[in-house]
C-alpha atoms as a PDB file:
ATOM      1  CA  MET A   1     -38.499  -0.338   4.123  1.00  0.00           C
ATOM      2  CA  ARG A   2     -35.663  -1.115   6.060  1.00  0.00           C
ATOM      3  CA  GLU A   3     -34.446   2.741   5.747  1.00  0.00           C
ATOM      4  CA  ASN A   4     -37.808   3.969   6.238  1.00  0.00           C
ATOM      5  CA  ASN A   5     -38.203   2.220   9.479  1.00  0.00           C
ATOM      6  CA  GLU A   6     -34.337   3.561  11.244  1.00  0.00           C
ATOM      7  CA  ARG A   7     -35.918   7.149  10.029  1.00  0.00           C
ATOM      8  CA  SER A   8     -38.997   6.296  11.770  1.00  0.00           C
ATOM      9  CA  TRP A   9     -37.117   4.983  14.892  1.00  0.00           C
ATOM     10  CA  LYS A  10     -34.753   7.823  14.773  1.00  0.00           C
ATOM     11  CA  ILE A  11     -37.934  10.512  14.721  1.00  0.00           C
ATOM     12  CA  ARG A  12     -39.610   9.016  17.849  1.00  0.00           C
ATOM     13  CA  PHE A  13     -36.279   8.447  19.748  1.00  0.00           C
ATOM     14  CA  ALA A  14     -36.086  12.430  19.248  1.00  0.00           C
ATOM     15  CA  ILE A  15     -39.446  12.850  19.881  1.00  0.00           C
ATOM     16  CA  ILE A  16     -39.025  10.911  23.271  1.00  0.00           C
ATOM     17  CA  MET A  17     -35.838  12.703  24.775  1.00  0.00           C
ATOM     18  CA  PHE A  18     -37.294  16.238  23.826  1.00  0.00           C
ATOM     19  CA  VAL A  19     -40.661  15.089  25.874  1.00  0.00           C
ATOM     20  CA  LEU A  20     -38.860  13.695  28.489  1.00  0.00           C
ATOM     21  CA  ALA A  21     -36.447  16.986  28.521  1.00  0.00           C
ATOM     22  CA  VAL A  22     -39.313  19.206  28.836  1.00  0.00           C
ATOM     23  CA  ALA A  23     -40.713  17.323  31.445  1.00  0.00           C
ATOM     24  CA  ILE A  24     -37.676  17.147  33.668  1.00  0.00           C
ATOM     25  CA  PHE A  25     -37.599  20.579  33.545  1.00  0.00           C
ATOM     26  CA  LEU A  26     -41.206  21.576  34.054  1.00  0.00           C
ATOM     27  CA  ALA A  27     -41.096  19.363  37.226  1.00  0.00           C
ATOM     28  CA  ARG A  28     -38.349  21.883  38.671  1.00  0.00           C
ATOM     29  CA  TYR A  29     -40.008  24.540  37.683  1.00  0.00           C
ATOM     30  CA  LEU A  30     -43.170  23.050  39.513  1.00  0.00           C
ATOM     31  CA  ILE A  31     -41.034  21.830  42.735  1.00  0.00           C
ATOM     32  CA  PHE A  32     -38.411  24.568  43.061  1.00  0.00           C
ATOM     33  CA  GLY A  33     -40.396  27.715  41.368  1.00  0.00           C
ATOM     34  CA  ASP A  34     -36.807  28.570  39.381  1.00  0.00           C
ATOM     35  CA  GLY A  35     -38.119  29.881  35.865  1.00  0.00           C
ATOM     36  CA  GLU A  36     -35.520  32.994  35.626  1.00  0.00           C
ATOM     37  CA  GLU A  37     -33.012  30.398  36.874  1.00  0.00           C
ATOM     38  CA  ILE A  38     -34.103  27.427  34.020  1.00  0.00           C
ATOM     39  CA  ILE A  39     -34.477  30.087  31.150  1.00  0.00           C
ATOM     40  CA  ALA A  40     -30.606  31.572  32.454  1.00  0.00           C
ATOM     41  CA  TYR A  41     -29.317  27.513  32.331  1.00  0.00           C
ATOM     42  CA  LEU A  42     -30.565  27.137  28.863  1.00  0.00           C
ATOM     43  CA  TRP A  43     -29.873  30.327  27.082  1.00  0.00           C
ATOM     44  CA  LYS A  44     -26.313  29.222  28.636  1.00  0.00           C
ATOM     45  CA  HIS A  45     -25.831  25.987  27.268  1.00  0.00           C
ATOM     46  CA  ILE A  46     -27.663  26.817  24.019  1.00  0.00           C
ATOM     47  CA  GLY A  47     -25.070  29.146  23.493  1.00  0.00           C
ATOM     48  CA  PHE A  48     -22.420  26.266  23.656  1.00  0.00           C
ATOM     49  CA  ILE A  49     -24.305  24.268  21.221  1.00  0.00           C
ATOM     50  CA  PRO A  50     -22.513  25.835  18.285  1.00  0.00           C
ATOM     51  CA  ILE A  51     -18.800  25.314  20.154  1.00  0.00           C
ATOM     52  CA  ASP A  52     -19.740  21.801  20.832  1.00  0.00           C
ATOM     53  CA  ILE A  53     -20.659  21.028  17.154  1.00  0.00           C
ATOM     54  CA  LEU A  54     -17.371  22.695  16.064  1.00  0.00           C
ATOM     55  CA  ILE A  55     -15.162  20.549  18.455  1.00  0.00           C
ATOM     56  CA  VAL A  56     -17.027  17.291  17.681  1.00  0.00           C
ATOM     57  CA  ALA A  57     -16.829  17.910  14.269  1.00  0.00           C
ATOM     58  CA  PHE A  58     -13.093  18.408  13.975  1.00  0.00           C
ATOM     59  CA  LEU A  59     -12.697  15.329  16.190  1.00  0.00           C
ATOM     60  CA  LEU A  60     -14.809  12.955  14.131  1.00  0.00           C
ATOM     61  CA  GLU A  61     -13.142  14.196  11.071  1.00  0.00           C
ATOM     62  CA  GLY A  62      -9.786  13.689  12.233  1.00  0.00           C
ATOM     63  CA  ILE A  63     -10.710  10.244  13.214  1.00  0.00           C
ATOM     64  CA  MET A  64     -12.302   9.138  10.280  1.00  0.00           C
ATOM     65  CA  GLY A  65      -9.793  10.905   8.156  1.00  0.00           C
ATOM     66  CA  LYS A  66      -6.987   8.716   9.692  1.00  0.00           C
ATOM     67  CA  LYS A  67      -9.105   5.378   9.233  1.00  0.00           C
ATOM     68  CA  GLU A  68     -10.084   6.267   6.071  1.00  0.00           C
ATOM     69  CA  HIS A  69      -5.956   6.588   5.235  1.00  0.00           C
ATOM     70  CA  GLU A  70      -5.202   4.021   6.840  1.00  0.00           C
ATOM     71  CA  ALA A  71      -8.010   1.963   5.133  1.00  0.00           C
ATOM     72  CA  ILE A  72      -6.593   3.206   2.232  1.00  0.00           C
ATOM     73  CA  LEU A  73      -3.326   2.016   3.013  1.00  0.00           C
ATOM     74  CA  GLU A  74      -4.522  -1.179   3.656  1.00  0.00           C
ATOM     75  CA  LYS A  75      -5.968  -1.961   0.399  1.00  0.00           C
ATOM     76  CA  ILE A  76      -2.788  -0.972  -1.002  1.00  0.00           C
ATOM     77  CA  ASP A  77      -0.661  -3.293   1.045  1.00  0.00           C
ATOM     78  CA  MET A  78      -3.135  -6.140  -0.202  1.00  0.00           C
ATOM     79  CA  LEU A  79      -2.756  -5.295  -3.780  1.00  0.00           C
ATOM     80  CA  MET A  80       0.909  -5.687  -3.363  1.00  0.00           C
ATOM     81  CA  GLY A  81       0.302  -9.170  -3.046  1.00  0.00           C
ATOM     82  CA  THR A  82      -1.509  -9.667  -6.141  1.00  0.00           C
ATOM     83  CA  PHE A  83       1.212  -7.946  -7.635  1.00  0.00           C
ATOM     84  CA  PHE A  84       3.768  -9.961  -6.726  1.00  0.00           C
ATOM     85  CA  SER A  85       1.985 -12.801  -7.245  1.00  0.00           C
ATOM     86  CA  GLU A  86       1.316 -11.667 -10.834  1.00  0.00           C
ATOM     87  CA  ILE A  87       4.619 -10.279 -12.334  1.00  0.00           C
ATOM     88  CA  GLY A  88       6.517  -8.715  -9.328  1.00  0.00           C
ATOM     89  CA  ASN A  89       7.958 -12.199  -7.995  1.00  0.00           C
ATOM     90  CA  ASP A  90       8.841 -13.239 -11.997  1.00  0.00           C
ATOM     91  CA  LEU A  91      10.605 -10.040 -12.419  1.00  0.00           C
ATOM     92  CA  LEU A  92      12.420 -10.212  -9.567  1.00  0.00           C
ATOM     93  CA  ALA A  93      13.793 -13.655 -10.142  1.00  0.00           C
ATOM     94  CA  GLU A  94      14.791 -12.516 -13.542  1.00  0.00           C
ATOM     95  CA  LEU A  95      16.961  -9.745 -12.482  1.00  0.00           C
ATOM     96  CA  SER A  96      18.316 -11.292  -9.636  1.00  0.00           C
ATOM     97  CA  LYS A  97      19.509 -14.266 -11.727  1.00  0.00           C
ATOM     98  CA  VAL A  98      21.473 -11.939 -14.210  1.00  0.00           C
ATOM     99  CA  ASN A  99      22.633  -9.438 -11.803  1.00  0.00           C
ATOM    100  CA  LYS A 100      26.401  -8.917 -11.524  1.00  0.00           C
ATOM    101  CA  ASN A 101      26.385  -7.336  -8.421  1.00  0.00           C
ATOM    102  CA  LYS A 102      24.674  -9.414  -5.738  1.00  0.00           C
ATOM    103  CA  ILE A 103      26.219  -8.338  -2.451  1.00  0.00           C
ATOM    104  CA  ASN A 104      23.492  -6.028  -1.758  1.00  0.00           C
ATOM    105  CA  THR A 105      21.207  -8.618  -1.663  1.00  0.00           C
ATOM    106  CA  GLU A 106      22.707 -11.601  -0.209  1.00  0.00           C
ATOM    107  CA  ASN A 107      21.367 -11.320   3.082  1.00  0.00           C
ATOM    108  CA  LEU A 108      17.691 -11.340   1.793  1.00  0.00           C
ATOM    109  CA  LYS A 109      18.170 -15.321   1.825  1.00  0.00           C
ATOM    110  CA  ASP A 110      17.786 -15.228   5.553  1.00  0.00           C
ATOM    111  CA  ILE A 111      14.548 -12.742   5.602  1.00  0.00           C
ATOM    112  CA  ARG A 112      12.803 -15.488   7.109  1.00  0.00           C
ATOM    113  CA  ASN A 113      14.913 -14.684  10.986  1.00  0.00           C
ATOM    114  CA  TRP A 114      14.276 -10.714  10.593  1.00  0.00           C
ATOM    115  CA  ASP A 115      12.995  -8.718  12.964  1.00  0.00           C
ATOM    116  CA  GLU A 116      11.074  -5.309  12.302  1.00  0.00           C
ATOM    117  CA  LYS A 117      14.275  -3.307  13.110  1.00  0.00           C
ATOM    118  CA  ASP A 118      16.254  -5.890  10.005  1.00  0.00           C
ATOM    119  CA  PHE A 119      13.416  -5.060   7.454  1.00  0.00           C
ATOM    120  CA  ASP A 120      13.358  -1.291   8.827  1.00  0.00           C
ATOM    121  CA  ASN A 121      17.205  -1.308   8.252  1.00  0.00           C
ATOM    122  CA  LYS A 122      17.160  -2.763   4.933  1.00  0.00           C
ATOM    123  CA  MET A 123      14.639  -0.728   3.564  1.00  0.00           C
ATOM    124  CA  LYS A 124      16.558   2.597   4.793  1.00  0.00           C
ATOM    125  CA  GLU A 125      19.509   1.117   3.431  1.00  0.00           C
ATOM    126  CA  LEU A 126      18.058   0.545   0.012  1.00  0.00           C
ATOM    127  CA  LYS A 127      16.179   4.270  -0.200  1.00  0.00           C
ATOM    128  CA  GLU A 128      19.165   5.615   0.398  1.00  0.00           C
ATOM    129  CA  ASN A 129      21.931   3.789  -1.566  1.00  0.00           C
ATOM    130  CA  GLY A 130      20.181   2.012  -4.245  1.00  0.00           C
ATOM    131  CA  LEU A 131      21.324  -1.451  -5.584  1.00  0.00           C
ATOM    132  CA  ASP A 132      24.133  -1.749  -7.450  1.00  0.00           C
ATOM    133  CA  PHE A 133      22.782  -3.722 -10.550  1.00  0.00           C
ATOM    134  CA  LYS A 134      24.368  -4.610 -14.171  1.00  0.00           C
ATOM    135  CA  VAL A 135      23.274  -7.272 -16.457  1.00  0.00           C
ATOM    136  CA  ASP A 136      26.064  -9.936 -16.608  1.00  0.00           C
ATOM    137  CA  ILE A 137      25.147 -11.688 -19.918  1.00  0.00           C
ATOM    138  CA  PRO A 138      27.621 -12.479 -23.031  1.00  0.00           C
ATOM    139  CA  PRO A 139      26.520  -9.856 -25.590  1.00  0.00           C
ATOM    140  CA  GLU A 140      24.927 -12.860 -27.770  1.00  0.00           C
ATOM    141  CA  GLU A 141      22.387 -13.497 -25.494  1.00  0.00           C
ATOM    142  CA  ARG A 142      21.348 -10.121 -24.698  1.00  0.00           C
ATOM    143  CA  GLU A 143      18.402 -10.745 -27.420  1.00  0.00           C
ATOM    144  CA  GLU A 144      17.014 -13.457 -25.682  1.00  0.00           C
ATOM    145  CA  PHE A 145      16.866 -11.970 -21.866  1.00  0.00           C
ATOM    146  CA  LEU A 146      15.490  -9.079 -23.681  1.00  0.00           C
ATOM    147  CA  THR A 147      12.852 -11.037 -25.309  1.00  0.00           C
ATOM    148  CA  ASN A 148      12.163 -12.626 -22.130  1.00  0.00           C
ATOM    149  CA  PHE A 149      12.203 -10.117 -20.033  1.00  0.00           C
ATOM    150  CA  HIS A 150      10.132  -7.952 -21.812  1.00  0.00           C
ATOM    151  CA  SER A 151       7.120 -10.593 -22.733  1.00  0.00           C
ATOM    152  CA  ILE A 152       6.811 -10.667 -19.345  1.00  0.00           C
ATOM    153  CA  LEU A 153       5.719  -7.086 -19.523  1.00  0.00           C
ATOM    154  CA  VAL A 154       3.642  -7.135 -22.393  1.00  0.00           C
ATOM    155  CA  VAL A 155       1.567 -10.061 -21.121  1.00  0.00           C
ATOM    156  CA  LYS A 156       0.776  -7.851 -17.826  1.00  0.00           C
ATOM    157  CA  ARG A 157       0.753  -4.534 -18.961  1.00  0.00           C
ATOM    158  CA  GLU A 158      -3.182  -4.628 -18.645  1.00  0.00           C
ATOM    159  CA  PHE A 159      -2.394  -5.620 -15.573  1.00  0.00           C
ATOM    160  CA  LEU A 160      -0.122  -2.879 -14.709  1.00  0.00           C
ATOM    161  CA  VAL A 161      -2.293   0.229 -16.252  1.00  0.00           C
ATOM    162  CA  ASN A 162      -5.324  -0.908 -13.950  1.00  0.00           C
ATOM    163  CA  LEU A 163      -2.866  -0.966 -10.854  1.00  0.00           C
ATOM    164  CA  ILE A 164      -1.519   2.623 -11.870  1.00  0.00           C
ATOM    165  CA  ASN A 165      -5.075   3.996 -12.313  1.00  0.00           C
ATOM    166  CA  ASN A 166      -6.186   2.846  -9.306  1.00  0.00           C
ATOM    167  CA  PRO A 167      -7.008   6.219  -7.402  1.00  0.00           C
ATOM    168  CA  ASN A 168      -5.770   4.953  -4.003  1.00  0.00           C
ATOM    169  CA  LEU A 169      -2.230   4.387  -5.363  1.00  0.00           C
ATOM    170  CA  LEU A 170      -1.606   8.473  -4.714  1.00  0.00           C
ATOM    171  CA  GLU A 171      -1.344   7.373  -1.008  1.00  0.00           C
ATOM    172  CA  LYS A 172       1.612   5.297  -1.717  1.00  0.00           C
ATOM    173  CA  ASP A 173       4.149   7.133  -3.607  1.00  0.00           C
ATOM    174  CA  GLU A 174       6.876   4.070  -3.745  1.00  0.00           C
ATOM    175  CA  PHE A 175       4.608   1.653  -5.216  1.00  0.00           C
ATOM    176  CA  SER A 176       3.106   4.236  -7.725  1.00  0.00           C
ATOM    177  CA  SER A 177       6.940   5.336  -8.396  1.00  0.00           C
ATOM    178  CA  LEU A 178       7.817   1.264  -9.044  1.00  0.00           C
ATOM    179  CA  LEU A 179       4.736   0.948 -11.663  1.00  0.00           C
ATOM    180  CA  LEU A 180       5.519   4.021 -13.529  1.00  0.00           C
ATOM    181  CA  ALA A 181       9.254   2.643 -13.908  1.00  0.00           C
ATOM    182  CA  LEU A 182       7.880  -0.378 -14.696  1.00  0.00           C
ATOM    183  CA  LEU A 183       5.854   1.048 -17.565  1.00  0.00           C
ATOM    184  CA  HIS A 184       8.556   3.139 -18.741  1.00  0.00           C
ATOM    185  CA  LEU A 185      10.734   0.380 -18.927  1.00  0.00           C
ATOM    186  CA  ASP A 186       8.010  -1.097 -21.170  1.00  0.00           C
ATOM    187  CA  GLU A 187       7.599   1.572 -23.509  1.00  0.00           C
ATOM    188  CA  GLU A 188      11.273   1.509 -23.769  1.00  0.00           C
ATOM    189  CA  LEU A 189      11.564  -2.049 -24.698  1.00  0.00           C
ATOM    190  CA  SER A 190       8.270  -1.519 -27.273  1.00  0.00           C
ATOM    191  CA  ARG A 191       9.901   0.879 -28.978  1.00  0.00           C
ATOM    192  CA  ARG A 192      12.523  -0.856 -30.055  1.00  0.00           C
ATOM    193  CA  GLY A 193      10.733  -3.224 -31.693  1.00  0.00           C
ATOM    194  CA  GLU A 194      13.430  -6.502 -32.138  1.00  0.00           C
ATOM    195  CA  PHE A 195      16.773  -6.929 -29.809  1.00  0.00           C
ATOM    196  CA  SER A 196      18.994  -8.288 -31.886  1.00  0.00           C
ATOM    197  CA  ASP A 197      20.938  -5.556 -33.078  1.00  0.00           C
ATOM    198  CA  ILE A 198      21.335  -3.686 -29.402  1.00  0.00           C
ATOM    199  CA  LYS A 199      24.212  -2.039 -29.109  1.00  0.00           C
ATOM    200  CA  ASP A 200      26.487  -1.742 -26.113  1.00  0.00           C
ATOM    201  CA  ALA A 201      25.295   2.070 -25.279  1.00  0.00           C
ATOM    202  CA  ASP A 202      21.473   1.300 -25.913  1.00  0.00           C
ATOM    203  CA  PHE A 203      22.051  -1.793 -23.714  1.00  0.00           C
ATOM    204  CA  ASN A 204      23.591   0.448 -20.790  1.00  0.00           C
ATOM    205  CA  HIS A 205      20.912   2.334 -21.050  1.00  0.00           C
ATOM    206  CA  LEU A 206      18.267  -0.420 -21.174  1.00  0.00           C
ATOM    207  CA  ASN A 207      20.196  -1.652 -17.935  1.00  0.00           C
ATOM    208  CA  GLY A 208      19.730   1.790 -16.096  1.00  0.00           C
ATOM    209  CA  ASP A 209      16.355   1.628 -16.561  1.00  0.00           C
ATOM    210  CA  MET A 210      16.171  -2.216 -15.174  1.00  0.00           C
ATOM    211  CA  LYS A 211      18.269  -1.327 -12.030  1.00  0.00           C
ATOM    212  CA  ARG A 212      15.648   1.397 -11.414  1.00  0.00           C
ATOM    213  CA  VAL A 213      13.137  -1.279 -11.294  1.00  0.00           C
ATOM    214  CA  TYR A 214      15.017  -3.780  -9.535  1.00  0.00           C
ATOM    215  CA  THR A 215      15.720  -1.130  -6.909  1.00  0.00           C
ATOM    216  CA  LYS A 216      12.185   0.118  -6.327  1.00  0.00           C
ATOM    217  CA  LEU A 217      10.931  -3.807  -6.841  1.00  0.00           C
ATOM    218  CA  VAL A 218      13.675  -5.014  -4.011  1.00  0.00           C
ATOM    219  CA  TYR A 219      12.397  -2.386  -1.691  1.00  0.00           C
ATOM    220  CA  GLU A 220       8.687  -3.219  -2.065  1.00  0.00           C
ATOM    221  CA  TRP A 221       9.429  -6.467  -2.003  1.00  0.00           C
ATOM    222  CA  VAL A 222      11.211  -6.379   1.746  1.00  0.00           C
ATOM    223  CA  TYR A 223       8.148  -3.973   2.690  1.00  0.00           C
ATOM    224  CA  TYR A 224       5.528  -6.573   1.789  1.00  0.00           C
ATOM    225  CA  LEU A 225       7.554  -8.957   3.570  1.00  0.00           C
ATOM    226  CA  LYS A 226       7.755  -7.056   6.524  1.00  0.00           C
ATOM    227  CA  TYR A 227       3.706  -6.474   6.512  1.00  0.00           C
ATOM    228  CA  LEU A 228       3.058  -9.840   6.022  1.00  0.00           C
ATOM    229  CA  LYS A 229       5.073 -10.919   8.792  1.00  0.00           C
ATOM    230  CA  LYS A 230       3.367  -8.064  11.235  1.00  0.00           C
ATOM    231  CA  TYR A 231      -0.572  -8.681  10.119  1.00  0.00           C
ATOM    232  CA  TYR A 232      -0.693 -11.987   8.122  1.00  0.00           C
ATOM    233  CA  PRO A 233       2.392 -14.246   9.453  1.00  0.00           C
ATOM    234  CA  TYR A 234       0.609 -17.477   7.822  1.00  0.00           C
ATOM    235  CA  MET A 235       1.106 -15.399   4.470  1.00  0.00           C
ATOM    236  CA  THR A 236       4.974 -15.097   5.193  1.00  0.00           C
ATOM    237  CA  SER A 237       5.950 -18.979   4.631  1.00  0.00           C
ATOM    238  CA  LEU A 238       4.428 -18.817   1.268  1.00  0.00           C
ATOM    239  CA  ALA A 239       6.423 -15.843   0.406  1.00  0.00           C
ATOM    240  CA  ILE A 240       9.790 -17.150   1.778  1.00  0.00           C
ATOM    241  CA  ARG A 241       9.539 -20.335   0.243  1.00  0.00           C
ATOM    242  CA  THR A 242       9.267 -18.562  -3.306  1.00  0.00           C
ATOM    243  CA  ASN A 243      12.248 -16.160  -2.250  1.00  0.00           C
ATOM    244  CA  PRO A 244      14.096 -15.072  -5.970  1.00  0.00           C
ATOM    245  CA  PHE A 245      17.157 -14.348  -3.920  1.00  0.00           C
ATOM    246  CA  ASP A 246      17.387 -17.869  -2.372  1.00  0.00           C
ATOM    247  CA  SER A 247      18.086 -20.154  -5.090  1.00  0.00           C
ATOM    248  CA  GLU A 248      17.718 -23.320  -2.799  1.00  0.00           C
ATOM    249  CA  ALA A 249      14.122 -21.818  -1.977  1.00  0.00           C
ATOM    250  CA  ASP A 250      11.396 -24.351  -2.808  1.00  0.00           C
ATOM    251  CA  VAL A 251       7.562 -23.680  -2.560  1.00  0.00           C
ATOM    252  CA  HIS A 252       7.350 -27.339  -1.322  1.00  0.00           C
ATOM    253  CA  VAL A 253       6.541 -27.624   2.499  1.00  0.00           C
ATOM    254  CA  LYS A 254       9.417 -30.302   3.570  1.00  0.00           C
ATOM    255  CA  GLU A 255       9.701 -30.165   7.356  1.00  0.00           C
END
């Protein structure tokens, strides 16, 4: 009913405008008697109608395309919040805890004080140089570590698959690449079954897969914090109070 009323209003409005235009031209003809000039004027403007339509169409398409692209990126950025809440923060905490080379992530403790330039510099550094990552645990603890780490991926496997199937992720290569790296690592661990007899060479291979995941995780975490600080500063507090790179971070507000 509402749709019919809206269509009816548009038709009435179009008729009124058309009648008004005819009345104006008729009045001019009756007053000035310049029928030929009116016809020439009409033909001239009718000739420009296709050009006007073409220009407006391209402008509208560009504006709408840009708005649609921005809306898609906004949805992806919001999805990243869910990702870190569901699994990202846990993975960062597990990998950061066992990483022997922490020098590249030391400054992430002070991310609460960063400005936009600090975020951009860190993201550029991560993209160009990656991170030094090496699991620093005794051989006898490898089984427990891999089992616990894999259990996080298994529990959230369906969540990750649903994310990677989201067509909007085609607009965000970095995040898509992270999800693919996680699914690959999950498959690597799943194919091995038990981890009680992991040899050094095999563990080093897994370390390489974890390094890839860790670098991409840290990059996306920094990007997400930058996004929150810029658009949703009230959400930044929780992210900082659960900072996986700060051993003294506490979710409870103390001040």
